[in-house]
Amino acid sequence: MKRTLQTMIMTVFAVLVTSSFAYAEYVATTATGGTFPYFQLGCLVMGGLIITSLKHRYSRIYMTEAVGSFALYAMLVALFTVPVVDALKTLVS
């Protein structure tokens, strides 16, 4: 029961982070007129599925480790989107 509850919590967290990423990218791309990053969204969804399945399969993975690793992965994926790269370019130059 505990294993199923932790898997559901991880799934809810992954869905919330992915949906907030999609909303933020939608707002950023409509403001600049760019294209929506479907590839990054797909990578984020696949990463969430993999981390959730690993959490379900191996009971020794702590809940905080799984949530933290997905949060770090989401930040890594967000770093390689067009609005962030453009912001870094203007910051450097």
Protein backbone atom coordinates (compact mmCIF):
# COMPACT_ATOMS: atom_id res chain seq x y z
CA MET A 1 0.00 0.00 0.00
CA LYS A 2 2.81 2.39 0.89
CA ARG A 3 4.54 1.62 -2.41
CA THR A 4 1.41 2.42 -4.41
CA LEU A 5 0.79 5.65 -2.50
CA GLN A 6 4.35 6.82 -3.10
CA THR A 7 4.08 5.99 -6.78
CA MET A 8 0.86 7.98 -7.02
CA ILE A 9 2.47 10.96 -5.26
CA MET A 10 5.40 10.82 -7.67
CA THR A 11 3.01 10.62 -10.62
CA VAL A 12 1.02 13.64 -9.44
CA PHE A 13 4.24 15.62 -8.95
CA ALA A 14 5.48 14.71 -12.43
CA VAL A 15 2.16 15.68 -14.01
CA LEU A 16 2.07 19.01 -12.17
CA VAL A 17 5.64 19.91 -13.11
CA THR A 18 5.10 18.89 -16.73
CA SER A 19 1.87 20.87 -17.02
CA SER A 20 3.44 23.95 -15.47
CA PHE A 21 6.37 23.63 -17.90
CA ALA A 22 3.96 23.36 -20.82
CA TYR A 23 2.00 26.40 -19.67
CA ALA A 24 5.12 28.50 -19.13
CA GLU A 25 6.48 27.58 -22.54
CA TYR A 26 3.13 28.29 -24.18
CA VAL A 27 3.05 31.77 -22.64
CA ALA A 28 6.68 32.44 -23.57
CA THR A 29 6.32 31.28 -27.15
CA THR A 30 3.10 33.19 -27.80
CA ALA A 31 4.69 36.37 -26.48
CA THR A 32 7.75 36.04 -28.73
CA GLY A 33 6.03 34.38 -31.69
CA GLY A 34 8.23 31.30 -31.55
CA THR A 35 7.33 27.66 -31.88
CA PHE A 36 6.31 25.44 -29.00
CA PRO A 37 9.10 23.06 -27.84
CA TYR A 38 7.37 19.72 -28.38
CA PHE A 39 10.66 17.84 -28.24
CA GLN A 40 11.49 19.17 -24.76
CA LEU A 41 7.96 18.44 -23.58
CA GLY A 42 8.26 14.89 -24.86
CA CYS A 43 11.61 14.47 -23.12
CA LEU A 44 10.08 15.73 -19.89
CA VAL A 45 7.15 13.32 -20.16
CA MET A 46 9.44 10.38 -20.90
CA GLY A 47 11.74 11.32 -18.01
CA GLY A 48 8.75 11.47 -15.67
CA LEU A 49 7.58 8.07 -16.80
CA ILE A 50 11.01 6.54 -16.35
CA ILE A 51 11.58 8.00 -12.87
CA THR A 52 8.06 7.01 -11.78
CA SER A 53 8.52 3.45 -13.03
CA LEU A 54 11.90 3.20 -11.29
CA LYS A 55 10.29 4.42 -8.07
CA HIS A 56 7.57 1.79 -8.39
CA ARG A 57 9.96 -1.02 -9.25
CA TYR A 58 12.64 -0.38 -6.62
CA SER A 59 11.28 0.20 -3.13
CA ARG A 60 14.64 1.38 -1.79
CA ILE A 61 14.44 4.66 -3.71
CA TYR A 62 13.23 7.29 -1.28
CA MET A 63 10.35 9.56 -2.22
CA THR A 64 12.49 12.69 -1.83
CA GLU A 65 15.14 11.25 -4.13
CA ALA A 66 12.63 10.56 -6.88
CA VAL A 67 10.94 13.95 -6.58
CA GLY A 68 14.26 15.76 -6.36
CA SER A 69 15.72 13.98 -9.36
CA PHE A 70 12.67 14.80 -11.46
CA ALA A 71 12.77 18.44 -10.36
CA LEU A 72 16.44 18.69 -11.34
CA TYR A 73 15.69 16.97 -14.65
CA ALA A 74 12.87 19.44 -15.34
CA MET A 75 15.22 22.37 -14.69
CA LEU A 76 17.81 20.81 -17.02
CA VAL A 77 15.25 20.43 -19.79
CA ALA A 78 14.02 23.99 -19.24
CA LEU A 79 17.55 25.34 -19.63
CA PHE A 80 17.64 24.19 -23.25
CA THR A 81 14.45 25.88 -24.43
CA VAL A 82 14.51 28.88 -26.77
CA PRO A 83 13.33 31.58 -24.28
CA VAL A 84 15.97 30.60 -21.72
CA VAL A 85 18.73 30.44 -24.32
CA ASP A 86 17.70 33.87 -25.64
CA ALA A 87 17.71 35.30 -22.11
CA LEU A 88 21.19 33.88 -21.50
CA LYS A 89 22.42 35.34 -24.79
CA THR A 90 21.22 38.82 -23.85
CA LEU A 91 22.67 38.44 -20.38
CA VAL A 92 26.12 37.53 -21.71
CA SER A 93 26.28 40.13 -24.48
